[in-house]
Every structure is written in C-alpha cells, then in structure tokens.
PDB file of N, CA and C in Angstrom:
ATOM      1  N   MET A   1     113.202  92.507 102.104  1.00  0.00           N
ATOM      2  CA  MET A   1     112.173  91.526 102.309  1.00  0.00           C
ATOM      3  C   MET A   1     111.292  91.467 101.065  1.00  0.00           C
ATOM      4  N   SER A   2     111.101  90.286 100.538  1.00  0.00           N
ATOM      5  CA  SER A   2     110.293  90.140  99.330  1.00  0.00           C
ATOM      6  C   SER A   2     108.814  90.032  99.675  1.00  0.00           C
ATOM      7  N   LYS A   3     107.995  90.511  98.763  1.00  0.00           N
ATOM      8  CA  LYS A   3     106.548  90.464  98.967  1.00  0.00           C
ATOM      9  C   LYS A   3     106.027  89.096  98.571  1.00  0.00           C
ATOM     10  N   ARG A   4     104.903  88.719  99.171  1.00  0.00           N
ATOM     11  CA  ARG A   4     104.296  87.418  98.898  1.00  0.00           C
ATOM     12  C   ARG A   4     102.850  87.600  98.460  1.00  0.00           C
ATOM     13  N   PRO A   5     102.326  86.668  97.652  1.00  0.00           N
ATOM     14  CA  PRO A   5     100.942  86.806  97.177  1.00  0.00           C
ATOM     15  C   PRO A   5      99.926  86.425  98.256  1.00  0.00           C
ATOM     16  N   TYR A   6      98.912  87.267  98.401  1.00  0.00           N
ATOM     17  CA  TYR A   6      97.812  87.033  99.328  1.00  0.00           C
ATOM     18  C   TYR A   6      96.501  87.123  98.566  1.00  0.00           C
ATOM     19  N   LEU A   7      95.483  86.453  99.074  1.00  0.00           N
ATOM     20  CA  LEU A   7      94.141  86.541  98.531  1.00  0.00           C
ATOM     21  C   LEU A   7      93.232  87.173  99.572  1.00  0.00           C
ATOM     22  N   LYS A   8      92.258  87.944  99.120  1.00  0.00           N
ATOM     23  CA  LYS A   8      91.314  88.590 100.028  1.00  0.00           C
ATOM     24  C   LYS A   8      90.177  87.638 100.361  1.00  0.00           C
ATOM     25  N   VAL A   9      89.871  87.527 101.623  1.00  0.00           N
ATOM     26  CA  VAL A   9      88.737  86.738 102.099  1.00  0.00           C
ATOM     27  C   VAL A   9      87.813  87.692 102.842  1.00  0.00           C
ATOM     28  N   LYS A  10      86.599  87.857 102.325  1.00  0.00           N
ATOM     29  CA  LYS A  10      85.625  88.714 103.003  1.00  0.00           C
ATOM     30  C   LYS A  10      84.804  87.817 103.918  1.00  0.00           C
ATOM     31  N   TYR A  11      84.794  88.138 105.191  1.00  0.00           N
ATOM     32  CA  TYR A  11      84.154  87.252 106.157  1.00  0.00           C
ATOM     33  C   TYR A  11      82.889  87.848 106.751  1.00  0.00           C
ATOM     34  N   LYS A  12      82.019  86.935 107.182  1.00  0.00           N
ATOM     35  CA  LYS A  12      80.784  87.311 107.858  1.00  0.00           C
ATOM     36  C   LYS A  12      81.001  87.332 109.367  1.00  0.00           C
ATOM     37  N   GLU A  13      81.817  86.373 109.816  1.00  0.00           N
ATOM     38  CA  GLU A  13      82.057  86.217 111.252  1.00  0.00           C
ATOM     39  C   GLU A  13      83.506  85.794 111.476  1.00  0.00           C
ATOM     40  N   LEU A  14      84.105  86.341 112.508  1.00  0.00           N
ATOM     41  CA  LEU A  14      85.485  86.027 112.859  1.00  0.00           C
ATOM     42  C   LEU A  14      85.547  85.807 114.363  1.00  0.00           C
ATOM     43  N   LYS A  15      86.032  84.630 114.766  1.00  0.00           N
ATOM     44  CA  LYS A  15      86.107  84.300 116.196  1.00  0.00           C
ATOM     45  C   LYS A  15      87.506  83.812 116.553  1.00  0.00           C
ATOM     46  N   ASP A  16      87.970  84.217 117.717  1.00  0.00           N
ATOM     47  CA  ASP A  16      89.210  83.666 118.258  1.00  0.00           C
ATOM     48  C   ASP A  16      88.888  82.323 118.892  1.00  0.00           C
ATOM     49  N   ILE A  17      89.579  81.284 118.459  1.00  0.00           N
ATOM     50  CA  ILE A  17      89.384  79.958 119.047  1.00  0.00           C
ATOM     51  C   ILE A  17      90.405  79.753 120.168  1.00  0.00           C
ATOM     52  N   THR A  18      91.655  79.998 119.836  1.00  0.00           N
ATOM     53  CA  THR A  18      92.729  79.942 120.820  1.00  0.00           C
ATOM     54  C   THR A  18      93.585  81.182 120.611  1.00  0.00           C
ATOM     55  N   GLU A  19      94.676  81.282 121.330  1.00  0.00           N
ATOM     56  CA  GLU A  19      95.552  82.438 121.139  1.00  0.00           C
ATOM     57  C   GLU A  19      96.326  82.361 119.824  1.00  0.00           C
ATOM     58  N   LYS A  20      96.295  81.194 119.170  1.00  0.00           N
ATOM     59  CA  LYS A  20      97.033  81.032 117.921  1.00  0.00           C
ATOM     60  C   LYS A  20      96.156  80.734 116.707  1.00  0.00           C
ATOM     61  N   ALA A  21      94.836  80.604 116.885  1.00  0.00           N
ATOM     62  CA  ALA A  21      93.965  80.232 115.773  1.00  0.00           C
ATOM     63  C   ALA A  21      92.664  81.034 115.781  1.00  0.00           C
ATOM     64  N   ILE A  22      92.120  81.253 114.575  1.00  0.00           N
ATOM     65  CA  ILE A  22      90.836  81.941 114.418  1.00  0.00           C
ATOM     66  C   ILE A  22      89.907  81.099 113.556  1.00  0.00           C
ATOM     67  N   LEU A  23      88.623  81.281 113.768  1.00  0.00           N
ATOM     68  CA  LEU A  23      87.598  80.645 112.948  1.00  0.00           C
ATOM     69  C   LEU A  23      87.010  81.720 112.052  1.00  0.00           C
ATOM     70  N   VAL A  24      87.030  81.467 110.740  1.00  0.00           N
ATOM     71  CA  VAL A  24      86.507  82.415 109.761  1.00  0.00           C
ATOM     72  C   VAL A  24      85.271  81.794 109.118  1.00  0.00           C
ATOM     73  N   VAL A  25      84.157  82.539 109.118  1.00  0.00           N
ATOM     74  CA  VAL A  25      82.922  82.102 108.453  1.00  0.00           C
ATOM     75  C   VAL A  25      82.634  83.105 107.348  1.00  0.00           C
ATOM     76  N   CYS A  26      82.506  82.615 106.111  1.00  0.00           N
ATOM     77  CA  CYS A  26      82.256  83.481 104.954  1.00  0.00           C
ATOM     78  C   CYS A  26      80.757  83.624 104.711  1.00  0.00           C
ATOM     79  N   PHE A  27      80.398  84.512 103.793  1.00  0.00           N
ATOM     80  CA  PHE A  27      78.998  84.796 103.502  1.00  0.00           C
ATOM     81  C   PHE A  27      78.282  83.625 102.823  1.00  0.00           C
ATOM     82  N   ASP A  28      79.009  82.751 102.151  1.00  0.00           N
ATOM     83  CA  ASP A  28      78.379  81.595 101.505  1.00  0.00           C
ATOM     84  C   ASP A  28      78.220  80.412 102.462  1.00  0.00           C
ATOM     85  N   GLY A  29      78.615  80.582 103.716  1.00  0.00           N
ATOM     86  CA  GLY A  29      78.471  79.536 104.719  1.00  0.00           C
ATOM     87  C   GLY A  29      79.716  78.698 104.933  1.00  0.00           C
ATOM     88  N   SER A  30      80.718  78.865 104.092  1.00  0.00           N
ATOM     89  CA  SER A  30      81.950  78.100 104.262  1.00  0.00           C
ATOM     90  C   SER A  30      82.718  78.640 105.464  1.00  0.00           C
ATOM     91  N   SER A  31      83.468  77.758 106.110  1.00  0.00           N
ATOM     92  CA  SER A  31      84.236  78.162 107.286  1.00  0.00           C
ATOM     93  C   SER A  31      85.542  77.385 107.339  1.00  0.00           C
ATOM     94  N   ALA A  32      86.504  77.962 108.027  1.00  0.00           N
ATOM     95  CA  ALA A  32      87.808  77.316 108.179  1.00  0.00           C
ATOM     96  C   ALA A  32      88.509  77.883 109.402  1.00  0.00           C
ATOM     97  N   ILE A  33      89.394  77.070 109.950  1.00  0.00           N
ATOM     98  CA  ILE A  33      90.245  77.491 111.061  1.00  0.00           C
ATOM     99  C   ILE A  33      91.605  77.850 110.473  1.00  0.00           C
ATOM    100  N   LEU A  34      92.065  79.066 110.768  1.00  0.00           N
ATOM    101  CA  LEU A  34      93.325  79.555 110.222  1.00  0.00           C
ATOM    102  C   LEU A  34      94.273  79.963 111.344  1.00  0.00           C
ATOM    103  N   PRO A  35      95.565  79.799 111.125  1.00  0.00           N
ATOM    104  CA  PRO A  35      96.536  80.256 112.127  1.00  0.00           C
ATOM    105  C   PRO A  35      96.681  81.773 112.069  1.00  0.00           C
ATOM    106  N   LYS A  36      96.703  82.413 113.221  1.00  0.00           N
ATOM    107  CA  LYS A  36      96.837  83.873 113.279  1.00  0.00           C
ATOM    108  C   LYS A  36      98.164  84.351 112.702  1.00  0.00           C
ATOM    109  N   SER A  37      99.180  83.521 112.795  1.00  0.00           N
ATOM    110  CA  SER A  37     100.509  83.926 112.352  1.00  0.00           C
ATOM    111  C   SER A  37     100.609  84.106 110.838  1.00  0.00           C
ATOM    112  N   HIS A  38      99.683  83.515 110.067  1.00  0.00           N
ATOM    113  CA  HIS A  38      99.732  83.610 108.608  1.00  0.00           C
ATOM    114  C   HIS A  38      98.728  84.593 108.028  1.00  0.00           C
ATOM    115  N   VAL A  39      97.824  85.095 108.833  1.00  0.00           N
ATOM    116  CA  VAL A  39      96.722  85.930 108.347  1.00  0.00           C
ATOM    117  C   VAL A  39      96.965  87.384 108.711  1.00  0.00           C
ATOM    118  N   GLN A  40      96.659  88.275 107.772  1.00  0.00           N
ATOM    119  CA  GLN A  40      96.731  89.711 108.032  1.00  0.00           C
ATOM    120  C   GLN A  40      95.318  90.267 107.973  1.00  0.00           C
ATOM    121  N   GLN A  41      94.941  91.049 108.968  1.00  0.00           N
ATOM    122  CA  GLN A  41      93.577  91.574 109.038  1.00  0.00           C
ATOM    123  C   GLN A  41      93.567  93.056 108.692  1.00  0.00           C
ATOM    124  N   ASN A  42      92.581  93.448 107.875  1.00  0.00           N
ATOM    125  CA  ASN A  42      92.362  94.849 107.564  1.00  0.00           C
ATOM    126  C   ASN A  42      91.512  95.427 108.679  1.00  0.00           C
ATOM    127  N   THR A  43      92.012  96.417 109.380  1.00  0.00           N
ATOM    128  CA  THR A  43      91.310  96.953 110.546  1.00  0.00           C
ATOM    129  C   THR A  43      90.109  97.819 110.178  1.00  0.00           C
ATOM    130  N   PHE A  44      90.010  98.255 108.935  1.00  0.00           N
ATOM    131  CA  PHE A  44      88.931  99.153 108.528  1.00  0.00           C
ATOM    132  C   PHE A  44      87.757  98.444 107.859  1.00  0.00           C
ATOM    133  N   SER A  45      87.880  97.178 107.550  1.00  0.00           N
ATOM    134  CA  SER A  45      86.794  96.453 106.897  1.00  0.00           C
ATOM    135  C   SER A  45      86.804  94.984 107.325  1.00  0.00           C
ATOM    136  N   ASP A  46      85.872  94.234 106.784  1.00  0.00           N
ATOM    137  CA  ASP A  46      85.749  92.816 107.122  1.00  0.00           C
ATOM    138  C   ASP A  46      86.485  91.944 106.102  1.00  0.00           C
ATOM    139  N   ILE A  47      87.755  92.260 105.893  1.00  0.00           N
ATOM    140  CA  ILE A  47      88.582  91.532 104.938  1.00  0.00           C
ATOM    141  C   ILE A  47      89.819  90.993 105.637  1.00  0.00           C
ATOM    142  N   LEU A  48      90.136  89.739 105.322  1.00  0.00           N
ATOM    143  CA  LEU A  48      91.385  89.126 105.767  1.00  0.00           C
ATOM    144  C   LEU A  48      92.265  88.908 104.548  1.00  0.00           C
ATOM    145  N   TYR A  49      93.564  89.010 104.736  1.00  0.00           N
ATOM    146  CA  TYR A  49      94.515  88.663 103.693  1.00  0.00           C
ATOM    147  C   TYR A  49      95.147  87.339 104.085  1.00  0.00           C
ATOM    148  N   VAL A  50      94.904  86.332 103.249  1.00  0.00           N
ATOM    149  CA  VAL A  50      95.371  84.970 103.525  1.00  0.00           C
ATOM    150  C   VAL A  50      96.381  84.591 102.441  1.00  0.00           C
ATOM    151  N   PRO A  51      97.508  83.998 102.798  1.00  0.00           N
ATOM    152  CA  PRO A  51      98.478  83.579 101.784  1.00  0.00           C
ATOM    153  C   PRO A  51      97.819  82.654 100.750  1.00  0.00           C
ATOM    154  N   THR A  52      98.227  82.802  99.508  1.00  0.00           N
ATOM    155  CA  THR A  52      97.625  82.043  98.410  1.00  0.00           C
ATOM    156  C   THR A  52      97.649  80.546  98.673  1.00  0.00           C
ATOM    157  N   TRP A  53      98.770  80.032  99.125  1.00  0.00           N
ATOM    158  CA  TRP A  53      98.890  78.584  99.340  1.00  0.00           C
ATOM    159  C   TRP A  53      97.925  78.085 100.411  1.00  0.00           C
ATOM    160  N   LEU A  54      97.657  78.906 101.419  1.00  0.00           N
ATOM    161  CA  LEU A  54      96.760  78.511 102.502  1.00  0.00           C
ATOM    162  C   LEU A  54      95.295  78.639 102.082  1.00  0.00           C
ATOM    163  N   ALA A  55      94.965  79.704 101.370  1.00  0.00           N
ATOM    164  CA  ALA A  55      93.580  79.926 100.939  1.00  0.00           C
ATOM    165  C   ALA A  55      93.106  78.819  99.997  1.00  0.00           C
ATOM    166  N   GLN A  56      93.988  78.324  99.150  1.00  0.00           N
ATOM    167  CA  GLN A  56      93.608  77.280  98.201  1.00  0.00           C
ATOM    168  C   GLN A  56      93.419  75.919  98.861  1.00  0.00           C
ATOM    169  N   LYS A  57      93.971  75.727 100.043  1.00  0.00           N
ATOM    170  CA  LYS A  57      93.811  74.470 100.774  1.00  0.00           C
ATOM    171  C   LYS A  57      92.559  74.444 101.639  1.00  0.00           C
ATOM    172  N   LYS A  58      92.004  75.620 101.931  1.00  0.00           N
ATOM    173  CA  LYS A  58      90.848  75.720 102.827  1.00  0.00           C
ATOM    174  C   LYS A  58      89.573  75.991 102.027  1.00  0.00           C
ATOM    175  N   PRO A  59      88.426  75.536 102.537  1.00  0.00           N
ATOM    176  CA  PRO A  59      87.155  75.771 101.829  1.00  0.00           C
ATOM    177  C   PRO A  59      86.596  77.164 102.119  1.00  0.00           C
ATOM    178  N   LEU A  60      87.280  78.191 101.643  1.00  0.00           N
ATOM    179  CA  LEU A  60      86.865  79.573 101.879  1.00  0.00           C
ATOM    180  C   LEU A  60      86.453  80.251 100.578  1.00  0.00           C
ATOM    181  N   GLN A  61      85.621  81.248 100.712  1.00  0.00           N
ATOM    182  CA  GLN A  61      85.238  82.078  99.579  1.00  0.00           C
ATOM    183  C   GLN A  61      86.246  83.218  99.510  1.00  0.00           C
ATOM    184  N   TYR A  62      87.009  83.297  98.416  1.00  0.00           N
ATOM    185  CA  TYR A  62      88.048  84.316  98.318  1.00  0.00           C
ATOM    186  C   TYR A  62      88.112  84.904  96.914  1.00  0.00           C
ATOM    187  N   SER A  63      88.719  86.062  96.817  1.00  0.00           N
ATOM    188  CA  SER A  63      88.914  86.746  95.551  1.00  0.00           C
ATOM    189  C   SER A  63      90.016  86.050  94.770  1.00  0.00           C
ATOM    190  N   GLN A  64      89.886  85.980  93.456  1.00  0.00           N
ATOM    191  CA  GLN A  64      90.901  85.339  92.619  1.00  0.00           C
ATOM    192  C   GLN A  64      92.091  86.257  92.349  1.00  0.00           C
ATOM    193  N   LYS A  65      91.903  87.551  92.561  1.00  0.00           N
ATOM    194  CA  LYS A  65      92.969  88.522  92.307  1.00  0.00           C
ATOM    195  C   LYS A  65      93.984  88.487  93.448  1.00  0.00           C
ATOM    196  N   LYS A  66      95.233  88.297  93.092  1.00  0.00           N
ATOM    197  CA  LYS A  66      96.302  88.247  94.101  1.00  0.00           C
ATOM    198  C   LYS A  66      96.750  89.654  94.455  1.00  0.00           C
ATOM    199  N   GLU A  67      97.046  89.848  95.713  1.00  0.00           N
ATOM    200  CA  GLU A  67      97.594  91.113  96.193  1.00  0.00           C
ATOM    201  C   GLU A  67      98.939  90.821  96.824  1.00  0.00           C
ATOM    202  N   TRP A  68      99.940  91.548  96.397  1.00  0.00           N
ATOM    203  CA  TRP A  68     101.295  91.325  96.920  1.00  0.00           C
ATOM    204  C   TRP A  68     101.535  92.225  98.105  1.00  0.00           C
ATOM    205  N   ARG A  69     101.869  91.609  99.253  1.00  0.00           N
ATOM    206  CA  ARG A  69     102.065  92.355 100.496  1.00  0.00           C
ATOM    207  C   ARG A  69     103.384  91.967 101.124  1.00  0.00           C
TER     208      ARG A  69
END
C-alpha cells in the first residue's frame, strides 16, 4: 500500500454532523464540513490529518508541510 500526502489541520472545535460527516472549526474562525472516510484523527491532540487535495479545496487553516501516511 502506497502512502499518500496529508496536511495537518489544528482545530478549535470538532462536531459530528452525521454518521459520515464532521464539522471542523479552526482557530482563525474558518470552518468546513469534511467526510469522515477521508480524515484521520490524532487521538492525543487536536490535530486532524486531511488529504492534500481535500484540504486545498476547503477554507481551512492548515500546515504547509506534507506528512506521508
């Protein structure tokens, strides 16, 4: 299985909207609805790993450094 590039999104608030979608609110006030199937959550901190292609389409505050997972 090949690794794919992800970007880190540090969130202020995370809410389940439906069983398949979450609402992410960042510290700068930006927010977006993301599918749970594409997002990986770090259980020890307030960081989400969002695929690069998805993060660039949404108005989220994210790190520019890519992490391969």
